[in-house]
Amino acid sequence: MRKENKDEQECVLVRVFGRVQGVNFRYNVKRFAERAGIRGFVMNLSDGSVLLHACAEREKLDALLAFIRSNPGLAQVRRVEVSKAEANARMKGFEIVREGSFAKDKGNALKHFLKNIFR
């Protein structure tokens, strides 16, 4: 039986649902991930959810998930789905992936924010 190494890197895909666009959620996740030494990216999806790909030691990933579930900033997280992911050697830091131009990305985030507010 293999002994589990605490420093072994794991990767997860995380899908976050709720009011998570247009409320600086990606920025807050990026800031937390950078401070914790987590590699990966965060991006808005067209359905109003947010997708993260994160790689780090299990303890750091658990802390990231707890942070996400804490409703950082103005976010209102309703559901979090987590699955294992493959490592990507090209990922060096933690990035925000934008959909097209900055203006298009912010416009789409605002659209989903307003849709969530007036439900």
PDB file of N, CA and C in Angstrom:
ATOM      1  N   MET A   1       0.837  -1.181   0.000  1.00  0.00           N
ATOM      2  CA  MET A   1       0.000   0.000   0.000  1.00  0.00           C
ATOM      3  C   MET A   1       0.884   1.247   0.000  1.00  0.00           C
ATOM      4  N   ARG A   2       0.563   2.188  -0.867  1.00  0.00           N
ATOM      5  CA  ARG A   2       1.350   3.400  -0.997  1.00  0.00           C
ATOM      6  C   ARG A   2       1.027   4.392   0.117  1.00  0.00           C
ATOM      7  N   LYS A   3       2.061   4.913   0.728  1.00  0.00           N
ATOM      8  CA  LYS A   3       1.875   5.931   1.759  1.00  0.00           C
ATOM      9  C   LYS A   3       1.570   7.264   1.086  1.00  0.00           C
ATOM     10  N   GLU A   4       0.523   7.933   1.555  1.00  0.00           N
ATOM     11  CA  GLU A   4       0.133   9.212   0.964  1.00  0.00           C
ATOM     12  C   GLU A   4       1.098  10.303   1.381  1.00  0.00           C
ATOM     13  N   ASN A   5       1.566  11.046   0.403  1.00  0.00           N
ATOM     14  CA  ASN A   5       2.490  12.145   0.635  1.00  0.00           C
ATOM     15  C   ASN A   5       1.698  13.439   0.767  1.00  0.00           C
ATOM     16  N   LYS A   6       1.850  14.135   1.887  1.00  0.00           N
ATOM     17  CA  LYS A   6       1.129  15.389   2.138  1.00  0.00           C
ATOM     18  C   LYS A   6       1.452  16.455   1.098  1.00  0.00           C
ATOM     19  N   ASP A   7       2.668  16.410   0.531  1.00  0.00           N
ATOM     20  CA  ASP A   7       3.101  17.423  -0.419  1.00  0.00           C
ATOM     21  C   ASP A   7       2.772  17.069  -1.869  1.00  0.00           C
ATOM     22  N   GLU A   8       2.091  15.952  -2.080  1.00  0.00           N
ATOM     23  CA  GLU A   8       1.748  15.527  -3.431  1.00  0.00           C
ATOM     24  C   GLU A   8       0.706  16.469  -4.038  1.00  0.00           C
ATOM     25  N   GLN A   9       0.960  16.901  -5.262  1.00  0.00           N
ATOM     26  CA  GLN A   9       0.057  17.811  -5.961  1.00  0.00           C
ATOM     27  C   GLN A   9      -1.165  17.070  -6.485  1.00  0.00           C
ATOM     28  N   GLU A  10      -2.318  17.693  -6.316  1.00  0.00           N
ATOM     29  CA  GLU A  10      -3.568  17.202  -6.877  1.00  0.00           C
ATOM     30  C   GLU A  10      -4.178  18.331  -7.678  1.00  0.00           C
ATOM     31  N   CYS A  11      -5.033  17.981  -8.623  1.00  0.00           N
ATOM     32  CA  CYS A  11      -5.739  18.984  -9.408  1.00  0.00           C
ATOM     33  C   CYS A  11      -7.231  18.702  -9.364  1.00  0.00           C
ATOM     34  N   VAL A  12      -8.008  19.776  -9.313  1.00  0.00           N
ATOM     35  CA  VAL A  12      -9.465  19.648  -9.298  1.00  0.00           C
ATOM     36  C   VAL A  12     -10.074  20.645 -10.275  1.00  0.00           C
ATOM     37  N   LEU A  13     -11.237  20.268 -10.796  1.00  0.00           N
ATOM     38  CA  LEU A  13     -12.105  21.180 -11.532  1.00  0.00           C
ATOM     39  C   LEU A  13     -13.235  21.523 -10.584  1.00  0.00           C
ATOM     40  N   VAL A  14     -13.521  22.797 -10.451  1.00  0.00           N
ATOM     41  CA  VAL A  14     -14.561  23.249  -9.530  1.00  0.00           C
ATOM     42  C   VAL A  14     -15.538  24.109 -10.315  1.00  0.00           C
ATOM     43  N   ARG A  15     -16.811  23.773 -10.222  1.00  0.00           N
ATOM     44  CA  ARG A  15     -17.863  24.574 -10.858  1.00  0.00           C
ATOM     45  C   ARG A  15     -18.675  25.209  -9.736  1.00  0.00           C
ATOM     46  N   VAL A  16     -18.821  26.524  -9.780  1.00  0.00           N
ATOM     47  CA  VAL A  16     -19.473  27.272  -8.715  1.00  0.00           C
ATOM     48  C   VAL A  16     -20.728  27.939  -9.275  1.00  0.00           C
ATOM     49  N   PHE A  17     -21.852  27.718  -8.603  1.00  0.00           N
ATOM     50  CA  PHE A  17     -23.144  28.255  -9.027  1.00  0.00           C
ATOM     51  C   PHE A  17     -23.654  29.244  -7.989  1.00  0.00           C
ATOM     52  N   GLY A  18     -24.455  30.182  -8.436  1.00  0.00           N
ATOM     53  CA  GLY A  18     -25.031  31.192  -7.559  1.00  0.00           C
ATOM     54  C   GLY A  18     -24.761  32.570  -8.129  1.00  0.00           C
ATOM     55  N   ARG A  19     -24.713  33.568  -7.264  1.00  0.00           N
ATOM     56  CA  ARG A  19     -24.369  34.919  -7.713  1.00  0.00           C
ATOM     57  C   ARG A  19     -22.856  35.037  -7.626  1.00  0.00           C
ATOM     58  N   VAL A  20     -22.195  34.649  -8.710  1.00  0.00           N
ATOM     59  CA  VAL A  20     -20.731  34.588  -8.726  1.00  0.00           C
ATOM     60  C   VAL A  20     -20.120  35.341  -9.903  1.00  0.00           C
ATOM     61  N   GLN A  21     -20.948  35.992 -10.703  1.00  0.00           N
ATOM     62  CA  GLN A  21     -20.434  36.827 -11.790  1.00  0.00           C
ATOM     63  C   GLN A  21     -20.847  38.267 -11.537  1.00  0.00           C
ATOM     64  N   GLY A  22     -19.932  39.184 -11.817  1.00  0.00           N
ATOM     65  CA  GLY A  22     -20.207  40.604 -11.628  1.00  0.00           C
ATOM     66  C   GLY A  22     -20.033  41.071 -10.192  1.00  0.00           C
ATOM     67  N   VAL A  23     -19.421  40.224  -9.344  1.00  0.00           N
ATOM     68  CA  VAL A  23     -19.252  40.560  -7.920  1.00  0.00           C
ATOM     69  C   VAL A  23     -17.793  40.393  -7.465  1.00  0.00           C
ATOM     70  N   ASN A  24     -16.861  40.429  -8.412  1.00  0.00           N
ATOM     71  CA  ASN A  24     -15.421  40.261  -8.140  1.00  0.00           C
ATOM     72  C   ASN A  24     -15.065  38.888  -7.590  1.00  0.00           C
ATOM     73  N   PHE A  25     -15.874  37.887  -7.851  1.00  0.00           N
ATOM     74  CA  PHE A  25     -15.603  36.534  -7.358  1.00  0.00           C
ATOM     75  C   PHE A  25     -14.287  36.006  -7.926  1.00  0.00           C
ATOM     76  N   ARG A  26     -14.091  36.130  -9.242  1.00  0.00           N
ATOM     77  CA  ARG A  26     -12.852  35.616  -9.850  1.00  0.00           C
ATOM     78  C   ARG A  26     -11.630  36.302  -9.247  1.00  0.00           C
ATOM     79  N   TYR A  27     -11.693  37.602  -9.061  1.00  0.00           N
ATOM     80  CA  TYR A  27     -10.570  38.340  -8.478  1.00  0.00           C
ATOM     81  C   TYR A  27     -10.276  37.841  -7.064  1.00  0.00           C
ATOM     82  N   ASN A  28     -11.310  37.653  -6.250  1.00  0.00           N
ATOM     83  CA  ASN A  28     -11.109  37.168  -4.879  1.00  0.00           C
ATOM     84  C   ASN A  28     -10.513  35.766  -4.863  1.00  0.00           C
ATOM     85  N   VAL A  29     -10.980  34.898  -5.770  1.00  0.00           N
ATOM     86  CA  VAL A  29     -10.420  33.538  -5.859  1.00  0.00           C
ATOM     87  C   VAL A  29      -8.961  33.602  -6.294  1.00  0.00           C
ATOM     88  N   LYS A  30      -8.666  34.423  -7.294  1.00  0.00           N
ATOM     89  CA  LYS A  30      -7.280  34.556  -7.773  1.00  0.00           C
ATOM     90  C   LYS A  30      -6.368  35.039  -6.651  1.00  0.00           C
ATOM     91  N   ARG A  31      -6.795  36.055  -5.927  1.00  0.00           N
ATOM     92  CA  ARG A  31      -5.980  36.599  -4.831  1.00  0.00           C
ATOM     93  C   ARG A  31      -5.720  35.531  -3.764  1.00  0.00           C
ATOM     94  N   PHE A  32      -6.767  34.772  -3.387  1.00  0.00           N
ATOM     95  CA  PHE A  32      -6.594  33.708  -2.393  1.00  0.00           C
ATOM     96  C   PHE A  32      -5.625  32.648  -2.919  1.00  0.00           C
ATOM     97  N   ALA A  33      -5.842  32.227  -4.169  1.00  0.00           N
ATOM     98  CA  ALA A  33      -5.003  31.174  -4.753  1.00  0.00           C
ATOM     99  C   ALA A  33      -3.541  31.602  -4.836  1.00  0.00           C
ATOM    100  N   GLU A  34      -3.292  32.820  -5.242  1.00  0.00           N
ATOM    101  CA  GLU A  34      -1.908  33.298  -5.334  1.00  0.00           C
ATOM    102  C   GLU A  34      -1.238  33.303  -3.972  1.00  0.00           C
ATOM    103  N   ARG A  35      -1.947  33.761  -2.955  1.00  0.00           N
ATOM    104  CA  ARG A  35      -1.377  33.788  -1.600  1.00  0.00           C
ATOM    105  C   ARG A  35      -1.099  32.388  -1.065  1.00  0.00           C
ATOM    106  N   ALA A  36      -1.941  31.433  -1.481  1.00  0.00           N
ATOM    107  CA  ALA A  36      -1.795  30.056  -0.995  1.00  0.00           C
ATOM    108  C   ALA A  36      -0.831  29.230  -1.832  1.00  0.00           C
ATOM    109  N   GLY A  37      -0.376  29.758  -2.962  1.00  0.00           N
ATOM    110  CA  GLY A  37       0.539  29.006  -3.824  1.00  0.00           C
ATOM    111  C   GLY A  37      -0.167  27.957  -4.666  1.00  0.00           C
ATOM    112  N   ILE A  38      -1.391  28.242  -5.078  1.00  0.00           N
ATOM    113  CA  ILE A  38      -2.180  27.332  -5.911  1.00  0.00           C
ATOM    114  C   ILE A  38      -2.037  27.764  -7.363  1.00  0.00           C
ATOM    115  N   ARG A  39      -1.824  26.797  -8.259  1.00  0.00           N
ATOM    116  CA  ARG A  39      -1.720  27.072  -9.695  1.00  0.00           C
ATOM    117  C   ARG A  39      -3.069  26.785 -10.350  1.00  0.00           C
ATOM    118  N   GLY A  40      -3.382  27.518 -11.414  1.00  0.00           N
ATOM    119  CA  GLY A  40      -4.600  27.216 -12.153  1.00  0.00           C
ATOM    120  C   GLY A  40      -5.220  28.436 -12.790  1.00  0.00           C
ATOM    121  N   PHE A  41      -6.541  28.362 -12.983  1.00  0.00           N
ATOM    122  CA  PHE A  41      -7.258  29.484 -13.581  1.00  0.00           C
ATOM    123  C   PHE A  41      -8.695  29.495 -13.101  1.00  0.00           C
ATOM    124  N   VAL A  42      -9.356  30.630 -13.307  1.00  0.00           N
ATOM    125  CA  VAL A  42     -10.764  30.797 -12.989  1.00  0.00           C
ATOM    126  C   VAL A  42     -11.395  31.545 -14.155  1.00  0.00           C
ATOM    127  N   MET A  43     -12.605  31.133 -14.552  1.00  0.00           N
ATOM    128  CA  MET A  43     -13.269  31.782 -15.685  1.00  0.00           C
ATOM    129  C   MET A  43     -14.782  31.736 -15.537  1.00  0.00           C
ATOM    130  N   ASN A  44     -15.444  32.767 -16.067  1.00  0.00           N
ATOM    131  CA  ASN A  44     -16.895  32.781 -16.124  1.00  0.00           C
ATOM    132  C   ASN A  44     -17.362  31.862 -17.245  1.00  0.00           C
ATOM    133  N   LEU A  45     -18.494  31.205 -17.033  1.00  0.00           N
ATOM    134  CA  LEU A  45     -19.120  30.400 -18.077  1.00  0.00           C
ATOM    135  C   LEU A  45     -20.405  31.086 -18.537  1.00  0.00           C
ATOM    136  N   SER A  46     -20.835  30.766 -19.736  1.00  0.00           N
ATOM    137  CA  SER A  46     -21.977  31.462 -20.338  1.00  0.00           C
ATOM    138  C   SER A  46     -23.289  31.218 -19.600  1.00  0.00           C
ATOM    139  N   ASP A  47     -23.374  30.177 -18.780  1.00  0.00           N
ATOM    140  CA  ASP A  47     -24.616  29.897 -18.036  1.00  0.00           C
ATOM    141  C   ASP A  47     -24.695  30.656 -16.707  1.00  0.00           C
ATOM    142  N   GLY A  48     -23.692  31.499 -16.412  1.00  0.00           N
ATOM    143  CA  GLY A  48     -23.683  32.271 -15.173  1.00  0.00           C
ATOM    144  C   GLY A  48     -22.867  31.655 -14.058  1.00  0.00           C
ATOM    145  N   SER A  49     -22.360  30.450 -14.268  1.00  0.00           N
ATOM    146  CA  SER A  49     -21.514  29.815 -13.256  1.00  0.00           C
ATOM    147  C   SER A  49     -20.056  30.199 -13.500  1.00  0.00           C
ATOM    148  N   VAL A  50     -19.180  29.747 -12.601  1.00  0.00           N
ATOM    149  CA  VAL A  50     -17.744  29.996 -12.715  1.00  0.00           C
ATOM    150  C   VAL A  50     -17.031  28.660 -12.644  1.00  0.00           C
ATOM    151  N   LEU A  51     -15.987  28.505 -13.464  1.00  0.00           N
ATOM    152  CA  LEU A  51     -15.183  27.280 -13.502  1.00  0.00           C
ATOM    153  C   LEU A  51     -13.781  27.591 -13.020  1.00  0.00           C
ATOM    154  N   LEU A  52     -13.257  26.713 -12.152  1.00  0.00           N
ATOM    155  CA  LEU A  52     -11.874  26.819 -11.692  1.00  0.00           C
ATOM    156  C   LEU A  52     -11.151  25.522 -12.003  1.00  0.00           C
ATOM    157  N   HIS A  53      -9.900  25.638 -12.369  1.00  0.00           N
ATOM    158  CA  HIS A  53      -8.992  24.502 -12.456  1.00  0.00           C
ATOM    159  C   HIS A  53      -7.871  24.838 -11.496  1.00  0.00           C
ATOM    160  N   ALA A  54      -7.681  24.034 -10.459  1.00  0.00           N
ATOM    161  CA  ALA A  54      -6.704  24.362  -9.417  1.00  0.00           C
ATOM    162  C   ALA A  54      -5.821  23.158  -9.112  1.00  0.00           C
ATOM    163  N   CYS A  55      -4.520  23.413  -8.943  1.00  0.00           N
ATOM    164  CA  CYS A  55      -3.549  22.366  -8.620  1.00  0.00           C
ATOM    165  C   CYS A  55      -2.707  22.805  -7.420  1.00  0.00           C
ATOM    166  N   ALA A  56      -2.633  21.927  -6.425  1.00  0.00           N
ATOM    167  CA  ALA A  56      -1.841  22.192  -5.219  1.00  0.00           C
ATOM    168  C   ALA A  56      -1.903  20.965  -4.326  1.00  0.00           C
ATOM    169  N   GLU A  57      -1.310  21.075  -3.143  1.00  0.00           N
ATOM    170  CA  GLU A  57      -1.429  20.013  -2.155  1.00  0.00           C
ATOM    171  C   GLU A  57      -2.872  19.989  -1.650  1.00  0.00           C
ATOM    172  N   ARG A  58      -3.322  18.825  -1.216  1.00  0.00           N
ATOM    173  CA  ARG A  58      -4.714  18.634  -0.773  1.00  0.00           C
ATOM    174  C   ARG A  58      -5.126  19.675   0.271  1.00  0.00           C
ATOM    175  N   GLU A  59      -4.263  19.964   1.215  1.00  0.00           N
ATOM    176  CA  GLU A  59      -4.577  20.925   2.276  1.00  0.00           C
ATOM    177  C   GLU A  59      -4.893  22.314   1.702  1.00  0.00           C
ATOM    178  N   LYS A  60      -4.125  22.732   0.706  1.00  0.00           N
ATOM    179  CA  LYS A  60      -4.357  24.030   0.070  1.00  0.00           C
ATOM    180  C   LYS A  60      -5.656  24.029  -0.730  1.00  0.00           C
ATOM    181  N   LEU A  61      -5.935  22.912  -1.410  1.00  0.00           N
ATOM    182  CA  LEU A  61      -7.188  22.823  -2.175  1.00  0.00           C
ATOM    183  C   LEU A  61      -8.392  22.850  -1.239  1.00  0.00           C
ATOM    184  N   ASP A  62      -8.289  22.163  -0.115  1.00  0.00           N
ATOM    185  CA  ASP A  62      -9.381  22.190   0.877  1.00  0.00           C
ATOM    186  C   ASP A  62      -9.616  23.606   1.386  1.00  0.00           C
ATOM    187  N   ALA A  63      -8.531  24.358   1.604  1.00  0.00           N
ATOM    188  CA  ALA A  63      -8.664  25.744   2.058  1.00  0.00           C
ATOM    189  C   ALA A  63      -9.323  26.602   0.979  1.00  0.00           C
ATOM    190  N   LEU A  64      -8.974  26.375  -0.282  1.00  0.00           N
ATOM    191  CA  LEU A  64      -9.592  27.106  -1.383  1.00  0.00           C
ATOM    192  C   LEU A  64     -11.092  26.817  -1.448  1.00  0.00           C
ATOM    193  N   LEU A  65     -11.473  25.560  -1.320  1.00  0.00           N
ATOM    194  CA  LEU A  65     -12.892  25.198  -1.359  1.00  0.00           C
ATOM    195  C   LEU A  65     -13.656  25.817  -0.190  1.00  0.00           C
ATOM    196  N   ALA A  66     -13.045  25.845   0.971  1.00  0.00           N
ATOM    197  CA  ALA A  66     -13.685  26.489   2.131  1.00  0.00           C
ATOM    198  C   ALA A  66     -13.854  27.987   1.875  1.00  0.00           C
ATOM    199  N   PHE A  67     -12.850  28.600   1.277  1.00  0.00           N
ATOM    200  CA  PHE A  67     -12.933  30.017   0.948  1.00  0.00           C
ATOM    201  C   PHE A  67     -14.077  30.277  -0.035  1.00  0.00           C
ATOM    202  N   ILE A  68     -14.177  29.461  -1.067  1.00  0.00           N
ATOM    203  CA  ILE A  68     -15.247  29.618  -2.062  1.00  0.00           C
ATOM    204  C   ILE A  68     -16.612  29.495  -1.395  1.00  0.00           C
ATOM    205  N   ARG A  69     -16.767  28.518  -0.524  1.00  0.00           N
ATOM    206  CA  ARG A  69     -18.055  28.283   0.146  1.00  0.00           C
ATOM    207  C   ARG A  69     -18.391  29.367   1.173  1.00  0.00           C
ATOM    208  N   SER A  70     -17.418  30.213   1.512  1.00  0.00           N
ATOM    209  CA  SER A  70     -17.645  31.271   2.511  1.00  0.00           C
ATOM    210  C   SER A  70     -18.296  32.522   1.912  1.00  0.00           C
ATOM    211  N   ASN A  71     -18.681  32.461   0.642  1.00  0.00           N
ATOM    212  CA  ASN A  71     -19.299  33.609  -0.046  1.00  0.00           C
ATOM    213  C   ASN A  71     -18.402  34.846  -0.008  1.00  0.00           C
ATOM    214  N   PRO A  72     -17.193  34.759  -0.601  1.00  0.00           N
ATOM    215  CA  PRO A  72     -16.279  35.899  -0.534  1.00  0.00           C
ATOM    216  C   PRO A  72     -16.854  37.143  -1.205  1.00  0.00           C
ATOM    217  N   GLY A  73     -16.620  38.286  -0.588  1.00  0.00           N
ATOM    218  CA  GLY A  73     -17.102  39.543  -1.151  1.00  0.00           C
ATOM    219  C   GLY A  73     -18.614  39.567  -1.210  1.00  0.00           C
ATOM    220  N   LEU A  74     -19.153  39.915  -2.359  1.00  0.00           N
ATOM    221  CA  LEU A  74     -20.603  39.988  -2.548  1.00  0.00           C
ATOM    222  C   LEU A  74     -21.185  38.713  -3.152  1.00  0.00           C
ATOM    223  N   ALA A  75     -20.372  37.691  -3.324  1.00  0.00           N
ATOM    224  CA  ALA A  75     -20.841  36.433  -3.923  1.00  0.00           C
ATOM    225  C   ALA A  75     -21.855  35.745  -3.012  1.00  0.00           C
ATOM    226  N   GLN A  76     -22.756  35.022  -3.645  1.00  0.00           N
ATOM    227  CA  GLN A  76     -23.689  34.152  -2.929  1.00  0.00           C
ATOM    228  C   GLN A  76     -23.609  32.782  -3.582  1.00  0.00           C
ATOM    229  N   VAL A  77     -22.755  31.937  -3.038  1.00  0.00           N
ATOM    230  CA  VAL A  77     -22.521  30.603  -3.595  1.00  0.00           C
ATOM    231  C   VAL A  77     -23.670  29.693  -3.188  1.00  0.00           C
ATOM    232  N   ARG A  78     -24.314  29.094  -4.173  1.00  0.00           N
ATOM    233  CA  ARG A  78     -25.433  28.196  -3.900  1.00  0.00           C
ATOM    234  C   ARG A  78     -25.029  26.721  -4.008  1.00  0.00           C
ATOM    235  N   ARG A  79     -24.082  26.436  -4.910  1.00  0.00           N
ATOM    236  CA  ARG A  79     -23.670  25.045  -5.107  1.00  0.00           C
ATOM    237  C   ARG A  79     -22.244  25.010  -5.633  1.00  0.00           C
ATOM    238  N   VAL A  80     -21.495  24.006  -5.174  1.00  0.00           N
ATOM    239  CA  VAL A  80     -20.123  23.800  -5.626  1.00  0.00           C
ATOM    240  C   VAL A  80     -19.977  22.343  -6.038  1.00  0.00           C
ATOM    241  N   GLU A  81     -19.539  22.115  -7.269  1.00  0.00           N
ATOM    242  CA  GLU A  81     -19.282  20.765  -7.767  1.00  0.00           C
ATOM    243  C   GLU A  81     -17.777  20.608  -7.965  1.00  0.00           C
ATOM    244  N   VAL A  82     -17.215  19.532  -7.432  1.00  0.00           N
ATOM    245  CA  VAL A  82     -15.771  19.313  -7.501  1.00  0.00           C
ATOM    246  C   VAL A  82     -15.504  17.961  -8.137  1.00  0.00           C
ATOM    247  N   SER A  83     -14.566  17.921  -9.074  1.00  0.00           N
ATOM    248  CA  SER A  83     -14.137  16.649  -9.671  1.00  0.00           C
ATOM    249  C   SER A  83     -12.622  16.684  -9.865  1.00  0.00           C
ATOM    250  N   LYS A  84     -12.031  15.503  -9.945  1.00  0.00           N
ATOM    251  CA  LYS A  84     -10.579  15.421 -10.169  1.00  0.00           C
ATOM    252  C   LYS A  84     -10.266  15.883 -11.570  1.00  0.00           C
ATOM    253  N   ALA A  85      -9.071  16.457 -11.734  1.00  0.00           N
ATOM    254  CA  ALA A  85      -8.631  16.953 -13.037  1.00  0.00           C
ATOM    255  C   ALA A  85      -7.186  16.536 -13.275  1.00  0.00           C
ATOM    256  N   GLU A  86      -6.797  16.594 -14.521  1.00  0.00           N
ATOM    257  CA  GLU A  86      -5.424  16.302 -14.899  1.00  0.00           C
ATOM    258  C   GLU A  86      -4.559  17.542 -14.678  1.00  0.00           C
ATOM    259  N   ALA A  87      -3.321  17.316 -14.339  1.00  0.00           N
ATOM    260  CA  ALA A  87      -2.374  18.417 -14.176  1.00  0.00           C
ATOM    261  C   ALA A  87      -2.023  18.995 -15.544  1.00  0.00           C
ATOM    262  N   ASN A  88      -1.744  20.270 -15.569  1.00  0.00           N
ATOM    263  CA  ASN A  88      -1.318  20.943 -16.786  1.00  0.00           C
ATOM    264  C   ASN A  88       0.020  21.599 -16.478  1.00  0.00           C
ATOM    265  N   ALA A  89       1.079  21.068 -17.050  1.00  0.00           N
ATOM    266  CA  ALA A  89       2.436  21.543 -16.743  1.00  0.00           C
ATOM    267  C   ALA A  89       2.651  22.995 -17.176  1.00  0.00           C
ATOM    268  N   ARG A  90       1.834  23.511 -18.099  1.00  0.00           N
ATOM    269  CA  ARG A  90       2.002  24.888 -18.568  1.00  0.00           C
ATOM    270  C   ARG A  90       1.488  25.913 -17.571  1.00  0.00           C
ATOM    271  N   MET A  91       0.674  25.482 -16.613  1.00  0.00           N
ATOM    272  CA  MET A  91       0.153  26.423 -15.622  1.00  0.00           C
ATOM    273  C   MET A  91       1.247  26.761 -14.623  1.00  0.00           C
ATOM    274  N   LYS A  92       1.580  28.048 -14.547  1.00  0.00           N
ATOM    275  CA  LYS A  92       2.635  28.481 -13.631  1.00  0.00           C
ATOM    276  C   LYS A  92       2.068  29.209 -12.424  1.00  0.00           C
ATOM    277  N   GLY A  93       1.151  30.094 -12.630  1.00  0.00           N
ATOM    278  CA  GLY A  93       0.546  30.859 -11.546  1.00  0.00           C
ATOM    279  C   GLY A  93      -0.943  30.594 -11.500  1.00  0.00           C
ATOM    280  N   PHE A  94      -1.709  31.594 -11.115  1.00  0.00           N
ATOM    281  CA  PHE A  94      -3.168  31.483 -11.111  1.00  0.00           C
ATOM    282  C   PHE A  94      -3.717  32.661 -11.897  1.00  0.00           C
ATOM    283  N   GLU A  95      -4.492  32.379 -12.931  1.00  0.00           N
ATOM    284  CA  GLU A  95      -4.933  33.405 -13.868  1.00  0.00           C
ATOM    285  C   GLU A  95      -6.448  33.519 -13.931  1.00  0.00           C
ATOM    286  N   ILE A  96      -6.911  34.702 -14.282  1.00  0.00           N
ATOM    287  CA  ILE A  96      -8.312  34.907 -14.648  1.00  0.00           C
ATOM    288  C   ILE A  96      -8.379  34.800 -16.162  1.00  0.00           C
ATOM    289  N   VAL A  97      -9.193  33.875 -16.659  1.00  0.00           N
ATOM    290  CA  VAL A  97      -9.387  33.719 -18.097  1.00  0.00           C
ATOM    291  C   VAL A  97     -10.612  34.530 -18.475  1.00  0.00           C
ATOM    292  N   ARG A  98     -10.446  35.421 -19.426  1.00  0.00           N
ATOM    293  CA  ARG A  98     -11.546  36.287 -19.850  1.00  0.00           C
ATOM    294  C   ARG A  98     -12.170  35.765 -21.139  1.00  0.00           C
ATOM    295  N   GLU A  99     -13.465  36.024 -21.278  1.00  0.00           N
ATOM    296  CA  GLU A  99     -14.201  35.636 -22.478  1.00  0.00           C
ATOM    297  C   GLU A  99     -14.094  36.775 -23.480  1.00  0.00           C
ATOM    298  N   GLY A 100     -13.202  36.622 -24.451  1.00  0.00           N
ATOM    299  CA  GLY A 100     -13.016  37.678 -25.447  1.00  0.00           C
ATOM    300  C   GLY A 100     -12.363  38.898 -24.844  1.00  0.00           C
ATOM    301  N   SER A 101     -12.828  40.067 -25.269  1.00  0.00           N
ATOM    302  CA  SER A 101     -12.252  41.325 -24.795  1.00  0.00           C
ATOM    303  C   SER A 101     -12.672  41.593 -23.348  1.00  0.00           C
ATOM    304  N   PHE A 102     -11.970  42.521 -22.717  1.00  0.00           N
ATOM    305  CA  PHE A 102     -12.300  42.922 -21.350  1.00  0.00           C
ATOM    306  C   PHE A 102     -13.745  43.423 -21.282  1.00  0.00           C
ATOM    307  N   ALA A 103     -14.147  44.256 -22.249  1.00  0.00           N
ATOM    308  CA  ALA A 103     -15.504  44.820 -22.246  1.00  0.00           C
ATOM    309  C   ALA A 103     -16.563  43.726 -22.402  1.00  0.00           C
ATOM    310  N   LYS A 104     -16.329  42.782 -23.300  1.00  0.00           N
ATOM    311  CA  LYS A 104     -17.287  41.686 -23.503  1.00  0.00           C
ATOM    312  C   LYS A 104     -17.390  40.835 -22.242  1.00  0.00           C
ATOM    313  N   ASP A 105     -16.246  40.542 -21.644  1.00  0.00           N
ATOM    314  CA  ASP A 105     -16.215  39.739 -20.426  1.00  0.00           C
ATOM    315  C   ASP A 105     -17.006  40.419 -19.306  1.00  0.00           C
ATOM    316  N   LYS A 106     -16.762  41.716 -19.097  1.00  0.00           N
ATOM    317  CA  LYS A 106     -17.457  42.460 -18.042  1.00  0.00           C
ATOM    318  C   LYS A 106     -18.944  42.601 -18.361  1.00  0.00           C
ATOM    319  N   GLY A 107     -19.278  42.790 -19.635  1.00  0.00           N
ATOM    320  CA  GLY A 107     -20.678  42.892 -20.037  1.00  0.00           C
ATOM    321  C   GLY A 107     -21.445  41.613 -19.748  1.00  0.00           C
ATOM    322  N   ASN A 108     -20.849  40.474 -20.070  1.00  0.00           N
ATOM    323  CA  ASN A 108     -21.497  39.187 -19.794  1.00  0.00           C
ATOM    324  C   ASN A 108     -21.648  38.955 -18.293  1.00  0.00           C
ATOM    325  N   ALA A 109     -20.630  39.314 -17.523  1.00  0.00           N
ATOM    326  CA  ALA A 109     -20.709  39.148 -16.070  1.00  0.00           C
ATOM    327  C   ALA A 109     -21.829  40.011 -15.501  1.00  0.00           C
ATOM    328  N   LEU A 110     -21.958  41.249 -15.989  1.00  0.00           N
ATOM    329  CA  LEU A 110     -23.010  42.149 -15.526  1.00  0.00           C
ATOM    330  C   LEU A 110     -24.389  41.594 -15.876  1.00  0.00           C
ATOM    331  N   LYS A 111     -24.521  41.049 -17.070  1.00  0.00           N
ATOM    332  CA  LYS A 111     -25.795  40.449 -17.500  1.00  0.00           C
ATOM    333  C   LYS A 111     -26.213  39.339 -16.540  1.00  0.00           C
ATOM    334  N   HIS A 112     -25.290  38.462 -16.183  1.00  0.00           N
ATOM    335  CA  HIS A 112     -25.617  37.360 -15.267  1.00  0.00           C
ATOM    336  C   HIS A 112     -25.872  37.867 -13.854  1.00  0.00           C
ATOM    337  N   PHE A 113     -25.146  38.884 -13.438  1.00  0.00           N
ATOM    338  CA  PHE A 113     -25.372  39.489 -12.119  1.00  0.00           C
ATOM    339  C   PHE A 113     -26.798  40.037 -12.029  1.00  0.00           C
ATOM    340  N   LEU A 114     -27.211  40.802 -13.034  1.00  0.00           N
ATOM    341  CA  LEU A 114     -28.546  41.391 -13.034  1.00  0.00           C
ATOM    342  C   LEU A 114     -29.639  40.316 -13.106  1.00  0.00           C
ATOM    343  N   LYS A 115     -29.374  39.270 -13.868  1.00  0.00           N
ATOM    344  CA  LYS A 115     -30.341  38.173 -13.964  1.00  0.00           C
ATOM    345  C   LYS A 115     -30.522  37.520 -12.599  1.00  0.00           C
ATOM    346  N   ASN A 116     -29.444  37.378 -11.848  1.00  0.00           N
ATOM    347  CA  ASN A 116     -29.499  36.788 -10.501  1.00  0.00           C
ATOM    348  C   ASN A 116     -30.210  37.694  -9.515  1.00  0.00           C
ATOM    349  N   ILE A 117     -30.013  38.992  -9.629  1.00  0.00           N
ATOM    350  CA  ILE A 117     -30.625  39.957  -8.717  1.00  0.00           C
ATOM    351  C   ILE A 117     -32.143  39.968  -8.872  1.00  0.00           C
ATOM    352  N   PHE A 118     -32.614  39.900 -10.111  1.00  0.00           N
ATOM    353  CA  PHE A 118     -34.047  40.060 -10.360  1.00  0.00           C
ATOM    354  C   PHE A 118     -34.777  38.736 -10.549  1.00  0.00           C
ATOM    355  N   ARG A 119     -34.284  37.674  -9.967  1.00  0.00           N
ATOM    356  CA  ARG A 119     -34.965  36.376 -10.011  1.00  0.00           C
ATOM    357  C   ARG A 119     -36.135  36.362  -9.082  1.00  0.00           C
TER     358      ARG A 119
END
